[in-house]
Amino acid sequence: MGWKHEYTWETLFHFICGECKNWWSYAGIIEKREDGKDQSMICPHCGYKASIKMKEGFKHNGKES
């Protein structure tokens, strides 16, 4: 019997900056904050920091945002 293929997986998020409108990707996990505040990201292009939200009309697990 031969070797089996192994794999890992990741979640890939695509962001569009609210200021400069450039996009970037983030591979990882975005967890809800324990203090109840919104998560934020900093744009790697212009440095603008803002809270994040799922894009309107995007479907995740069959449910639209």
N, C-alpha and C. Protein backbone atom coordinates (compact mmCIF):
# COMPACT_ATOMS: atom_id res chain seq x y z
N MET A 1 0.85 -1.18 0.00
CA MET A 1 0.00 0.00 0.00
C MET A 1 0.90 1.24 0.00
N GLY A 2 0.54 2.21 -0.80
CA GLY A 2 1.37 3.41 -0.95
C GLY A 2 1.05 4.50 0.07
N TRP A 3 1.80 5.56 -0.05
CA TRP A 3 1.59 6.73 0.81
C TRP A 3 0.29 7.42 0.42
N LYS A 4 -0.30 8.08 1.38
CA LYS A 4 -1.52 8.85 1.11
C LYS A 4 -1.15 10.32 0.92
N HIS A 5 -1.96 11.00 0.16
CA HIS A 5 -1.79 12.45 0.02
C HIS A 5 -2.25 13.11 1.31
N GLU A 6 -1.49 14.08 1.77
CA GLU A 6 -1.86 14.83 2.96
C GLU A 6 -2.25 16.25 2.55
N TYR A 7 -3.09 16.86 3.34
CA TYR A 7 -3.47 18.23 3.04
C TYR A 7 -3.75 19.01 4.32
N THR A 8 -3.71 20.30 4.18
CA THR A 8 -4.21 21.22 5.20
C THR A 8 -5.15 22.16 4.46
N TRP A 9 -5.84 22.99 5.18
CA TRP A 9 -6.67 23.97 4.51
C TRP A 9 -6.58 25.30 5.23
N GLU A 10 -6.95 26.34 4.51
CA GLU A 10 -6.95 27.68 5.09
C GLU A 10 -8.15 28.44 4.56
N THR A 11 -8.51 29.44 5.27
CA THR A 11 -9.58 30.34 4.82
C THR A 11 -8.91 31.57 4.26
N LEU A 12 -9.32 32.00 3.10
CA LEU A 12 -8.72 33.15 2.44
C LEU A 12 -9.77 34.26 2.34
N PHE A 13 -9.48 35.38 2.96
CA PHE A 13 -10.37 36.54 2.94
C PHE A 13 -9.82 37.55 1.95
N HIS A 14 -10.70 38.22 1.21
CA HIS A 14 -10.32 39.26 0.26
C HIS A 14 -10.94 40.57 0.75
N PHE A 15 -10.11 41.58 0.93
CA PHE A 15 -10.55 42.88 1.44
C PHE A 15 -10.39 43.95 0.38
N ILE A 16 -11.29 44.93 0.41
CA ILE A 16 -11.19 46.13 -0.41
C ILE A 16 -11.13 47.30 0.56
N CYS A 17 -10.09 48.12 0.44
CA CYS A 17 -9.90 49.24 1.35
C CYS A 17 -11.03 50.26 1.20
N GLY A 18 -11.56 50.71 2.32
CA GLY A 18 -12.62 51.72 2.31
C GLY A 18 -12.11 53.10 1.92
N GLU A 19 -10.81 53.29 1.91
CA GLU A 19 -10.21 54.59 1.58
C GLU A 19 -9.64 54.61 0.16
N CYS A 20 -8.61 53.79 -0.09
CA CYS A 20 -7.92 53.85 -1.39
C CYS A 20 -8.51 52.89 -2.43
N LYS A 21 -9.40 51.98 -2.01
CA LYS A 21 -10.09 51.02 -2.88
C LYS A 21 -9.18 49.93 -3.46
N ASN A 22 -7.92 49.85 -3.01
CA ASN A 22 -7.07 48.72 -3.41
C ASN A 22 -7.52 47.49 -2.65
N TRP A 23 -7.11 46.30 -3.12
CA TRP A 23 -7.53 45.07 -2.46
C TRP A 23 -6.31 44.29 -2.00
N TRP A 24 -6.54 43.42 -1.03
CA TRP A 24 -5.51 42.50 -0.54
C TRP A 24 -6.21 41.28 0.02
N SER A 25 -5.43 40.24 0.25
CA SER A 25 -5.96 39.00 0.80
C SER A 25 -5.32 38.70 2.15
N TYR A 26 -6.06 37.98 2.98
CA TYR A 26 -5.58 37.57 4.30
C TYR A 26 -5.94 36.10 4.48
N ALA A 27 -4.95 35.27 4.71
CA ALA A 27 -5.19 33.85 4.94
C ALA A 27 -5.12 33.60 6.44
N GLY A 28 -6.18 33.07 6.99
CA GLY A 28 -6.20 32.79 8.42
C GLY A 28 -7.62 32.72 8.95
N ILE A 29 -7.75 33.04 10.22
CA ILE A 29 -9.04 33.00 10.90
C ILE A 29 -9.32 34.38 11.47
N ILE A 30 -10.54 34.83 11.32
CA ILE A 30 -10.96 36.07 11.95
C ILE A 30 -12.01 35.70 12.98
N GLU A 31 -11.65 35.80 14.23
CA GLU A 31 -12.55 35.42 15.31
C GLU A 31 -13.24 36.65 15.90
N LYS A 32 -14.44 36.44 16.41
CA LYS A 32 -15.18 37.51 17.05
C LYS A 32 -14.44 37.92 18.33
N ARG A 33 -14.33 39.22 18.55
CA ARG A 33 -13.64 39.71 19.73
C ARG A 33 -14.45 39.44 20.99
N GLU A 34 -13.77 39.12 22.06
CA GLU A 34 -14.44 38.82 23.33
C GLU A 34 -15.04 40.06 23.97
N ASP A 35 -14.49 41.25 23.66
CA ASP A 35 -15.00 42.48 24.26
C ASP A 35 -16.19 43.07 23.50
N GLY A 36 -16.61 42.38 22.41
CA GLY A 36 -17.78 42.81 21.65
C GLY A 36 -17.52 43.89 20.62
N LYS A 37 -16.30 44.43 20.56
CA LYS A 37 -15.98 45.47 19.58
C LYS A 37 -15.78 44.84 18.20
N ASP A 38 -15.95 45.67 17.17
CA ASP A 38 -15.74 45.21 15.80
C ASP A 38 -14.26 44.92 15.55
N GLN A 39 -14.02 43.91 14.70
CA GLN A 39 -12.66 43.64 14.26
C GLN A 39 -12.23 44.75 13.30
N SER A 40 -10.95 45.03 13.23
CA SER A 40 -10.46 46.02 12.29
C SER A 40 -9.24 45.47 11.56
N MET A 41 -8.95 46.06 10.43
CA MET A 41 -7.78 45.71 9.63
C MET A 41 -7.13 47.01 9.18
N ILE A 42 -5.84 46.93 8.87
CA ILE A 42 -5.11 48.07 8.35
C ILE A 42 -4.74 47.77 6.90
N CYS A 43 -5.07 48.67 6.01
CA CYS A 43 -4.76 48.49 4.59
C CYS A 43 -3.25 48.49 4.40
N PRO A 44 -2.71 47.45 3.76
CA PRO A 44 -1.26 47.41 3.53
C PRO A 44 -0.79 48.39 2.47
N HIS A 45 -1.73 48.98 1.72
CA HIS A 45 -1.37 49.92 0.67
C HIS A 45 -1.27 51.35 1.18
N CYS A 46 -2.28 51.79 1.94
CA CYS A 46 -2.31 53.20 2.36
C CYS A 46 -2.27 53.39 3.87
N GLY A 47 -2.41 52.29 4.65
CA GLY A 47 -2.33 52.40 6.11
C GLY A 47 -3.63 52.76 6.79
N TYR A 48 -4.72 52.87 6.03
CA TYR A 48 -6.02 53.23 6.61
C TYR A 48 -6.53 52.08 7.48
N LYS A 49 -6.91 52.39 8.72
CA LYS A 49 -7.44 51.39 9.64
C LYS A 49 -8.94 51.59 9.78
N ALA A 50 -9.69 50.51 9.64
CA ALA A 50 -11.14 50.58 9.73
C ALA A 50 -11.70 49.23 10.19
N SER A 51 -12.92 49.26 10.71
CA SER A 51 -13.58 48.00 11.07
C SER A 51 -13.92 47.25 9.79
N ILE A 52 -14.14 45.94 9.92
CA ILE A 52 -14.43 45.12 8.75
C ILE A 52 -15.86 44.61 8.81
N LYS A 53 -16.44 44.37 7.63
CA LYS A 53 -17.77 43.77 7.54
C LYS A 53 -17.82 42.95 6.28
N MET A 54 -18.70 41.95 6.27
CA MET A 54 -18.88 41.13 5.09
C MET A 54 -19.57 41.95 4.01
N LYS A 55 -19.10 41.81 2.79
CA LYS A 55 -19.65 42.55 1.67
C LYS A 55 -21.12 42.20 1.45
N GLU A 56 -21.95 43.20 1.23
CA GLU A 56 -23.37 42.98 0.98
C GLU A 56 -23.56 42.13 -0.26
N GLY A 57 -24.47 41.17 -0.18
CA GLY A 57 -24.77 40.31 -1.30
C GLY A 57 -23.91 39.06 -1.37
N PHE A 58 -22.88 38.96 -0.52
CA PHE A 58 -22.01 37.78 -0.52
C PHE A 58 -22.73 36.64 0.18
N LYS A 59 -22.69 35.46 -0.41
CA LYS A 59 -23.35 34.30 0.18
C LYS A 59 -22.30 33.43 0.87
N HIS A 60 -22.55 33.08 2.12
CA HIS A 60 -21.67 32.22 2.91
C HIS A 60 -22.52 31.10 3.46
N ASN A 61 -22.15 29.85 3.16
CA ASN A 61 -22.93 28.68 3.57
C ASN A 61 -24.39 28.78 3.14
N GLY A 62 -24.60 29.35 1.95
CA GLY A 62 -25.94 29.46 1.39
C GLY A 62 -26.76 30.62 1.93
N LYS A 63 -26.19 31.39 2.86
CA LYS A 63 -26.90 32.52 3.45
C LYS A 63 -26.28 33.81 2.96
N GLU A 64 -27.12 34.74 2.53
CA GLU A 64 -26.62 36.02 2.03
C GLU A 64 -26.38 36.97 3.20
N SER A 65 -25.30 37.75 3.08
CA SER A 65 -24.97 38.71 4.15
C SER A 65 -25.94 39.87 4.18
